[in-house]
Amino acid sequence: MERKPDWLPGFPVQIYCNRREELLDYSKFYTPPQIANLLVRKVNVPHPDTAIDICCGSCNLLRAAKKRWKNTTLFGVDIKPHIASDVNFMEMDGRQYAIKHAKKYPLVLANPPFDFVKTNREFPLLYQGVFSSYSTKRLENEMLLANLLLLQENGTLVIILPSTFVEAESNTAIRSLIGKNYYVREIIKLPEDTFGASNINSYALIIKNSSPKKKTTNSSCVIFENEQFLFENKCTVPQKDIQAGRWYDRYSATNEAFDIRRGNVSSQMFCDKGTAILHTAKKSEQWKPSLRYCAVSGENLVYAESGDIIISRIGKSAGQWGIYRGEKILISDCLYRIKDPTGKILNRLQGHEYDFPQKGVATRYITINDFKSWYCSLSSDVNAEKSTSGE
């Protein structure tokens, strides 16, 4: 029998666990139960006999697994002691545990801490085989290697990582190594408030210990709609991009010309009379930029011409776009401008509204890469429709 805490002698273990969770502010660090349940439901594993989390924290991912698979034996590892019913717990560093229990688990769950380690390769035994040339001082990256090490052949890993792992150029090498040696089944953008007020941008990855050949990777995001979290599919990422480490900005893999620039006149330069300038406007069904005036002019500034595509960069309207018809005019730094002399870009955009997640906390915004990636996802949607219709 599990020993009850001395200070709660009359409480069953399960009730103690519930009371303990109420005292924890796990919104800053731990996976919210609703997100954990959603991610576990996405896993394509029939009936795993065991599941492990080597940075188990609140055990929410493990509990989600138990909710789906009643007969699965749960194992939890953490550097801090935990009491959780139905979880076989061990207090130790999860990386050390992985080295001692390599290739033993069909299902591995993880939401590692996002932090630095003291030295490169803090646990050198993790850097073997395909990762022998890799080095990092990021704790979450080293924990990723540890979690991959735990996987049986055809085993599945669900792991939450910061957005920089998926998007940053500095992680291209590790993404490429994983893409060439594992099957990255799902790339899932999580809501910015997943971890409460900290507003940490993050992704969940579902990775299978199997060959990636002749398979596709789904890119999606989690949205909150009708009082529940739901998946919203975005696009399918080609394996050539996954294996090249291009998991986010898929546009970089294309050879199309894409002349997009941000305006370079600040709203601080606006005045009642002067040079006409296009500026962002409120969100609306038929969005178009507003007209303002400024006290600057010059050839080094960014202008729009008739036929250019204008995109709102910031605010609630971020991502909305329209076609400019008129004489040459300045644009503010709250807008992007795309040159489209052939009309090819407009043909792809026509009938679509920007629906990728926006960045920012108090003020929402999108980057040029955000818009490019969304633009490319439209291409994938068109191709997918053609393939299913037999065209």
Protein backbone atom coordinates (compact mmCIF):
# COMPACT_ATOMS: atom_id res chain seq x y z
CA MET A 1 0.00 0.00 0.00
CA GLU A 2 1.07 3.59 -0.66
CA ARG A 3 1.89 5.48 2.50
CA LYS A 4 -0.45 8.37 3.30
CA PRO A 5 1.19 11.67 4.23
CA ASP A 6 1.59 12.03 8.01
CA TRP A 7 -0.18 15.37 7.97
CA LEU A 8 -3.29 13.94 6.28
CA PRO A 9 -3.76 10.62 8.13
CA GLY A 10 -7.42 10.17 7.30
CA PHE A 11 -7.29 11.01 3.59
CA PRO A 12 -7.18 8.35 0.86
CA VAL A 13 -4.25 8.80 -1.51
CA GLN A 14 -6.41 9.93 -4.46
CA ILE A 15 -8.08 12.67 -2.43
CA TYR A 16 -4.68 13.80 -1.18
CA CYS A 17 -3.47 14.06 -4.77
CA ASN A 18 -6.46 16.19 -5.73
CA ARG A 19 -5.90 18.54 -2.76
CA ARG A 20 -2.22 18.79 -3.63
CA GLU A 21 -3.01 19.76 -7.23
CA GLU A 22 -5.25 22.56 -5.99
CA LEU A 23 -2.24 24.05 -4.22
CA LEU A 24 -0.01 23.91 -7.31
CA ASP A 25 0.06 26.78 -9.80
CA TYR A 26 0.84 24.39 -12.61
CA SER A 27 -0.45 26.81 -15.28
CA LYS A 28 3.09 28.21 -15.44
CA PHE A 29 4.84 24.89 -15.98
CA TYR A 30 2.48 21.94 -16.35
CA THR A 31 0.29 20.72 -19.19
CA PRO A 32 -3.35 21.77 -18.62
CA PRO A 33 -5.60 18.66 -18.37
CA GLN A 34 -7.75 19.74 -21.34
CA ILE A 35 -4.68 20.07 -23.59
CA ALA A 36 -3.24 16.79 -22.27
CA ASN A 37 -6.47 14.93 -23.06
CA LEU A 38 -6.64 16.45 -26.54
CA LEU A 39 -3.05 15.51 -27.42
CA VAL A 40 -3.37 11.95 -26.12
CA ARG A 41 -6.52 11.44 -28.19
CA LYS A 42 -4.42 12.33 -31.26
CA VAL A 43 -2.03 9.43 -30.65
CA ASN A 44 -2.42 6.54 -33.07
CA VAL A 45 -1.53 3.73 -30.65
CA PRO A 46 -4.15 0.97 -30.08
CA HIS A 47 -3.40 -0.33 -26.56
CA PRO A 48 0.07 0.48 -25.15
CA ASP A 49 0.96 -1.81 -22.25
CA THR A 50 3.10 0.94 -20.66
CA ALA A 51 3.47 4.72 -20.88
CA ILE A 52 6.16 6.92 -19.32
CA ASP A 53 6.80 10.60 -18.63
CA ILE A 54 10.37 11.33 -17.44
CA CYS A 55 9.53 14.91 -16.44
CA CYS A 56 6.08 14.06 -15.16
CA GLY A 57 5.38 17.15 -13.02
CA SER A 58 1.64 17.17 -12.38
CA CYS A 59 1.20 13.80 -14.18
CA ASN A 60 -1.53 15.35 -16.34
CA LEU A 61 -0.22 13.70 -19.52
CA LEU A 62 -0.07 10.34 -17.77
CA ARG A 63 -3.58 10.78 -16.39
CA ALA A 64 -4.82 11.57 -19.88
CA ALA A 65 -3.25 8.31 -21.06
CA LYS A 66 -4.96 6.40 -18.24
CA LYS A 67 -8.28 7.97 -19.16
CA ARG A 68 -7.94 6.62 -22.70
CA TRP A 69 -6.28 3.27 -21.95
CA LYS A 70 -7.52 1.88 -18.64
CA ASN A 71 -5.11 -1.08 -18.58
CA THR A 72 -1.92 0.83 -19.41
CA THR A 73 0.72 0.78 -16.67
CA LEU A 74 2.02 4.29 -15.99
CA PHE A 75 5.59 5.25 -15.07
CA GLY A 76 6.59 8.74 -13.91
CA VAL A 77 10.06 10.16 -13.31
CA ASP A 78 10.93 13.60 -11.94
CA ILE A 79 13.70 15.29 -9.97
CA LYS A 80 11.09 16.36 -7.41
CA PRO A 81 8.99 13.92 -5.36
CA HIS A 82 5.38 13.36 -6.36
CA ILE A 83 2.51 11.29 -5.06
CA ALA A 84 0.05 10.15 -7.71
CA SER A 85 -2.30 7.20 -7.72
CA ASP A 86 -1.84 4.68 -10.55
CA VAL A 87 1.63 6.05 -11.37
CA ASN A 88 4.82 4.12 -10.56
CA PHE A 89 7.04 7.03 -9.58
CA MET A 90 10.84 7.31 -9.36
CA GLU A 91 12.68 10.40 -8.12
CA MET A 92 15.69 10.97 -10.37
CA ASP A 93 16.82 12.94 -13.43
CA GLY A 94 14.80 11.77 -16.41
CA ARG A 95 17.84 11.86 -18.70
CA GLN A 96 19.67 9.43 -16.45
CA TYR A 97 16.61 7.18 -16.37
CA ALA A 98 16.40 7.17 -20.18
CA ILE A 99 20.02 6.08 -20.53
CA LYS A 100 19.36 3.12 -18.21
CA HIS A 101 16.03 2.14 -19.83
CA ALA A 102 16.60 2.70 -23.55
CA LYS A 103 14.16 1.33 -26.13
CA LYS A 104 11.68 -0.02 -23.56
CA TYR A 105 8.48 1.99 -24.01
CA PRO A 106 5.74 2.01 -26.68
CA LEU A 107 4.38 5.40 -25.55
CA VAL A 108 6.42 8.31 -24.18
CA LEU A 109 4.85 11.58 -23.02
CA ALA A 110 6.78 14.76 -22.25
CA ASN A 111 6.51 18.43 -21.43
CA PRO A 112 10.11 19.17 -20.40
CA PRO A 113 11.18 22.44 -18.75
CA PHE A 114 12.38 25.10 -21.20
CA ASP A 115 15.79 26.18 -19.92
CA PHE A 116 19.56 26.07 -20.37
CA VAL A 117 21.93 23.40 -19.04
CA LYS A 118 25.27 24.29 -17.47
CA THR A 119 27.43 22.81 -20.23
CA ASN A 120 27.06 21.42 -23.73
CA ARG A 121 26.14 17.73 -23.64
CA GLU A 122 25.38 17.61 -19.92
CA PHE A 123 24.56 13.89 -20.39
CA PRO A 124 27.08 12.78 -23.08
CA LEU A 125 25.60 9.27 -23.42
CA LEU A 126 22.51 10.79 -25.03
CA TYR A 127 24.61 11.98 -27.98
CA GLN A 128 25.18 8.71 -29.78
CA GLY A 129 24.25 7.21 -33.12
CA VAL A 130 22.51 9.73 -35.38
CA PHE A 131 22.99 12.47 -32.76
CA SER A 132 26.76 11.99 -32.33
CA SER A 133 27.53 15.21 -34.23
CA TYR A 134 24.92 17.28 -32.39
CA SER A 135 25.54 19.50 -29.37
CA THR A 136 23.26 21.78 -27.33
CA LYS A 137 22.95 23.75 -24.10
CA ARG A 138 19.16 23.75 -24.24
CA LEU A 139 17.61 21.51 -21.59
CA GLU A 140 14.44 20.82 -23.60
CA ASN A 141 16.53 19.67 -26.59
CA GLU A 142 18.56 17.31 -24.43
CA MET A 143 15.33 16.02 -22.87
CA LEU A 144 14.03 15.41 -26.40
CA LEU A 145 17.00 13.13 -27.09
CA ALA A 146 16.33 11.31 -23.82
CA ASN A 147 12.68 10.78 -24.71
CA LEU A 148 13.55 9.49 -28.18
CA LEU A 149 15.99 7.06 -26.57
CA LEU A 150 13.14 5.51 -24.54
CA LEU A 151 11.13 4.54 -27.63
CA GLN A 152 10.67 0.96 -28.71
CA GLU A 153 10.71 0.26 -32.42
CA ASN A 154 7.49 1.85 -33.77
CA GLY A 155 7.01 3.55 -30.38
CA THR A 156 5.37 6.99 -30.22
CA LEU A 157 6.52 10.18 -28.48
CA VAL A 158 4.24 13.12 -27.67
CA ILE A 159 6.37 16.10 -26.58
CA ILE A 160 5.72 19.80 -25.98
CA LEU A 161 8.55 22.16 -26.99
CA PRO A 162 8.98 25.93 -27.32
CA SER A 163 8.15 27.47 -30.70
CA THR A 164 11.85 28.15 -31.30
CA PHE A 165 12.43 24.42 -31.72
CA VAL A 166 10.07 24.33 -34.70
CA GLU A 167 10.66 27.81 -36.11
CA ALA A 168 14.20 28.99 -35.28
CA GLU A 169 17.06 28.60 -37.75
CA SER A 170 19.36 27.64 -34.86
CA ASN A 171 17.45 24.34 -34.52
CA THR A 172 17.50 23.40 -38.21
CA ALA A 173 20.23 20.77 -37.68
CA ILE A 174 18.41 18.85 -34.94
CA ARG A 175 15.11 19.06 -36.84
CA SER A 176 16.82 17.63 -39.90
CA LEU A 177 18.36 14.75 -37.92
CA ILE A 178 14.99 13.85 -36.45
CA GLY A 179 13.23 14.21 -39.80
CA LYS A 180 15.67 11.84 -41.50
CA ASN A 181 15.64 9.18 -38.77
CA TYR A 182 12.13 9.31 -37.29
CA TYR A 183 8.63 9.84 -38.60
CA VAL A 184 7.36 13.27 -37.53
CA ARG A 185 3.63 12.54 -37.70
CA GLU A 186 2.14 15.75 -36.27
CA ILE A 187 3.28 19.35 -35.73
CA ILE A 188 0.68 21.08 -33.54
CA LYS A 189 0.74 24.79 -32.62
CA LEU A 190 -0.61 25.25 -29.10
CA PRO A 191 -2.51 28.34 -27.86
CA GLU A 192 -0.34 31.14 -26.45
CA ASP A 193 -2.09 30.92 -23.08
CA THR A 194 -1.52 27.17 -22.69
CA PHE A 195 0.78 27.92 -19.76
CA GLY A 196 -1.25 30.78 -18.34
CA ALA A 197 -0.09 34.37 -18.16
CA SER A 198 3.47 33.44 -19.17
CA ASN A 199 2.29 33.43 -22.83
CA ILE A 200 4.91 30.93 -23.99
CA ASN A 201 4.60 30.06 -27.67
CA SER A 202 4.86 26.29 -27.99
CA TYR A 203 4.23 23.27 -30.19
CA ALA A 204 3.34 19.66 -29.53
CA LEU A 205 5.10 17.10 -31.72
CA ILE A 206 4.04 13.50 -32.28
CA ILE A 207 7.09 11.50 -33.38
CA LYS A 208 7.19 7.80 -34.23
CA ASN A 209 10.30 5.60 -34.05
CA SER A 210 9.94 4.35 -37.62
CA SER A 211 11.06 5.18 -41.14
CA PRO A 212 9.68 8.47 -42.51
CA LYS A 213 9.64 7.20 -46.11
CA LYS A 214 6.46 7.67 -48.15
CA LYS A 215 4.65 9.34 -45.28
CA THR A 216 3.25 12.82 -44.70
CA THR A 217 3.39 15.20 -41.74
CA ASN A 218 0.26 17.03 -40.66
CA SER A 219 0.51 20.63 -39.48
CA SER A 220 -2.34 21.91 -37.30
CA CYS A 221 -3.14 24.17 -34.38
CA VAL A 222 -5.27 23.96 -31.25
CA ILE A 223 -8.08 26.49 -31.01
CA PHE A 224 -10.65 27.23 -28.31
CA GLU A 225 -14.17 27.20 -29.72
CA ASN A 226 -17.59 26.57 -28.19
CA GLU A 227 -16.07 26.21 -24.71
CA GLN A 228 -13.67 23.44 -25.76
CA PHE A 229 -10.24 22.90 -27.30
CA LEU A 230 -10.26 21.58 -30.87
CA PHE A 231 -7.76 20.75 -33.60
CA GLU A 232 -7.78 22.90 -36.72
CA ASN A 233 -5.87 21.35 -39.62
CA LYS A 234 -3.66 23.65 -41.66
CA CYS A 235 -1.64 21.73 -44.23
CA THR A 236 0.46 18.71 -45.05
CA VAL A 237 4.23 19.22 -44.95
CA PRO A 238 6.27 17.28 -47.57
CA GLN A 239 8.88 14.88 -46.20
CA LYS A 240 11.62 16.65 -48.16
CA ASP A 241 10.92 19.75 -46.06
CA ILE A 242 10.75 17.79 -42.80
CA GLN A 243 14.06 16.06 -43.55
CA ALA A 244 15.67 19.37 -44.48
CA GLY A 245 14.60 20.85 -41.13
CA ARG A 246 12.00 23.15 -42.70
CA TRP A 247 9.12 22.47 -40.33
CA TYR A 248 7.65 25.96 -40.14
CA ASP A 249 8.52 28.36 -42.95
CA ARG A 250 7.66 26.08 -45.83
CA TYR A 251 7.84 28.97 -48.24
CA SER A 252 11.66 28.87 -48.15
CA ALA A 253 11.52 25.54 -50.01
CA THR A 254 9.81 27.07 -53.07
CA ASN A 255 11.35 28.89 -55.99
CA GLU A 256 8.54 31.39 -56.53
CA ALA A 257 9.30 35.10 -56.50
CA PHE A 258 7.67 36.75 -53.50
CA ASP A 259 8.39 40.45 -53.27
CA ILE A 260 7.00 41.47 -49.89
CA ARG A 261 8.10 44.48 -47.84
CA ARG A 262 7.05 46.18 -44.66
CA GLY A 263 6.36 49.91 -44.67
CA ASN A 264 8.94 52.08 -42.92
CA VAL A 265 6.99 55.14 -41.81
CA SER A 266 5.91 55.16 -38.16
CA SER A 267 2.49 56.42 -37.07
CA GLN A 268 4.40 58.94 -34.93
CA MET A 269 5.06 60.81 -38.19
CA PHE A 270 1.33 61.23 -38.92
CA CYS A 271 -0.17 64.72 -39.11
CA ASP A 272 -3.39 66.43 -40.18
CA LYS A 273 -2.09 67.45 -43.60
CA GLY A 274 0.81 66.36 -45.74
CA THR A 275 1.77 63.34 -47.85
CA ALA A 276 -0.93 60.67 -48.20
CA ILE A 277 -0.09 57.30 -46.62
CA LEU A 278 -1.91 53.97 -46.23
CA HIS A 279 -2.25 52.67 -42.67
CA THR A 280 -3.88 49.67 -41.01
CA ALA A 281 -7.60 49.71 -40.22
CA LYS A 282 -10.11 47.93 -38.01
CA LYS A 283 -10.98 44.31 -38.69
CA SER A 284 -13.86 44.02 -41.14
CA GLU A 285 -15.37 41.60 -43.66
CA GLN A 286 -14.14 43.65 -46.62
CA TRP A 287 -10.93 44.98 -45.11
CA LYS A 288 -9.03 47.83 -46.71
CA PRO A 289 -6.32 50.13 -45.33
CA SER A 290 -7.16 53.56 -43.98
CA LEU A 291 -5.85 56.81 -45.43
CA ARG A 292 -3.69 59.06 -43.26
CA TYR A 293 -1.17 61.87 -43.81
CA CYS A 294 2.47 62.27 -42.80
CA ALA A 295 5.26 64.82 -42.93
CA VAL A 296 7.81 62.66 -44.79
CA SER A 297 8.56 61.63 -48.37
CA GLY A 298 11.47 60.15 -50.29
CA GLU A 299 12.64 57.33 -52.56
CA ASN A 300 13.95 55.18 -49.69
CA LEU A 301 10.44 54.78 -48.31
CA VAL A 302 8.13 51.89 -49.17
CA TYR A 303 5.32 52.65 -51.60
CA ALA A 304 2.30 50.76 -52.90
CA GLU A 305 1.17 50.91 -56.52
CA SER A 306 -2.07 49.91 -58.21
CA GLY A 307 -2.46 46.11 -58.19
CA ASP A 308 -0.28 45.57 -55.09
CA ILE A 309 -1.59 43.35 -52.29
CA ILE A 310 -1.76 45.19 -48.94
CA ILE A 311 -1.71 43.22 -45.67
CA SER A 312 -2.45 44.40 -42.14
CA ARG A 313 0.55 43.54 -39.95
CA ILE A 314 -0.70 44.40 -36.47
CA GLY A 315 -3.82 44.67 -34.34
CA LYS A 316 -7.08 42.71 -34.49
CA SER A 317 -7.02 42.95 -38.29
CA ALA A 318 -3.53 41.36 -38.54
CA GLY A 319 -3.49 39.04 -41.55
CA GLN A 320 -6.38 40.68 -43.38
CA TRP A 321 -5.50 41.72 -46.91
CA GLY A 322 -6.83 43.65 -49.90
CA ILE A 323 -5.90 44.87 -53.37
CA TYR A 324 -4.84 48.49 -53.74
CA ARG A 325 -6.24 50.39 -56.70
CA GLY A 326 -4.89 53.88 -57.08
CA GLU A 327 -1.83 56.04 -57.62
CA LYS A 328 1.56 55.40 -56.04
CA ILE A 329 1.30 55.97 -52.27
CA LEU A 330 3.34 55.49 -49.08
CA ILE A 331 2.52 52.66 -46.65
CA SER A 332 3.07 52.74 -42.87
CA ASP A 333 5.06 50.24 -40.83
CA CYS A 334 1.77 48.61 -39.81
CA LEU A 335 1.34 47.20 -43.33
CA TYR A 336 3.04 44.74 -45.67
CA ARG A 337 3.03 45.18 -49.44
CA ILE A 338 3.29 42.37 -52.00
CA LYS A 339 4.15 42.97 -55.66
CA ASP A 340 2.04 40.70 -57.89
CA PRO A 341 2.52 41.75 -61.54
CA THR A 342 1.32 38.40 -62.96
CA GLY A 343 -1.69 38.02 -60.64
CA LYS A 344 -0.49 34.54 -59.63
CA ILE A 345 -0.39 35.34 -55.90
CA LEU A 346 -3.84 36.91 -55.96
CA ASN A 347 -5.27 33.84 -57.71
CA ARG A 348 -4.13 31.69 -54.80
CA LEU A 349 -5.27 34.14 -52.12
CA GLN A 350 -8.70 34.74 -53.65
CA GLY A 351 -11.51 33.53 -51.41
CA HIS A 352 -9.24 32.83 -48.42
CA GLU A 353 -8.94 34.62 -45.07
CA TYR A 354 -5.75 34.49 -43.03
CA ASP A 355 -6.39 32.01 -40.21
CA PHE A 356 -2.99 31.11 -38.77
CA PRO A 357 -2.47 31.99 -35.06
CA GLN A 358 -1.35 35.56 -34.40
CA LYS A 359 1.67 36.41 -32.26
CA GLY A 360 1.88 38.90 -29.40
CA VAL A 361 0.28 39.34 -25.99
CA ALA A 362 -1.36 42.76 -25.56
CA THR A 363 -1.12 43.61 -29.27
CA ARG A 364 -1.47 40.90 -31.91
CA TYR A 365 0.73 40.85 -35.00
CA ILE A 366 1.99 38.59 -37.80
CA THR A 367 5.41 38.34 -39.42
CA ILE A 368 6.31 38.11 -43.09
CA ASN A 369 7.16 34.43 -42.56
CA ASP A 370 3.74 33.86 -40.98
CA PHE A 371 2.01 35.17 -44.09
CA LYS A 372 4.32 33.26 -46.43
CA SER A 373 3.70 30.00 -44.57
CA TRP A 374 -0.05 30.54 -44.68
CA TYR A 375 0.18 31.34 -48.40
CA CYS A 376 2.01 28.05 -48.99
CA SER A 377 -0.55 26.12 -46.96
CA LEU A 378 -3.17 27.30 -49.46
CA SER A 379 -1.10 25.67 -52.20
CA SER A 380 -1.10 22.40 -50.27
CA ASP A 381 -4.86 22.59 -49.78
CA VAL A 382 -5.38 23.03 -53.53
CA ASN A 383 -3.08 20.09 -54.32
CA ALA A 384 -4.83 17.93 -51.75
CA GLU A 385 -8.22 18.71 -53.31
CA LYS A 386 -6.91 17.79 -56.75
CA SER A 387 -5.47 14.49 -55.54
CA THR A 388 -8.68 13.45 -53.80
CA SER A 389 -10.80 14.37 -56.83
CA GLY A 390 -8.51 12.45 -59.19
CA GLU A 391 -7.42 15.45 -61.22
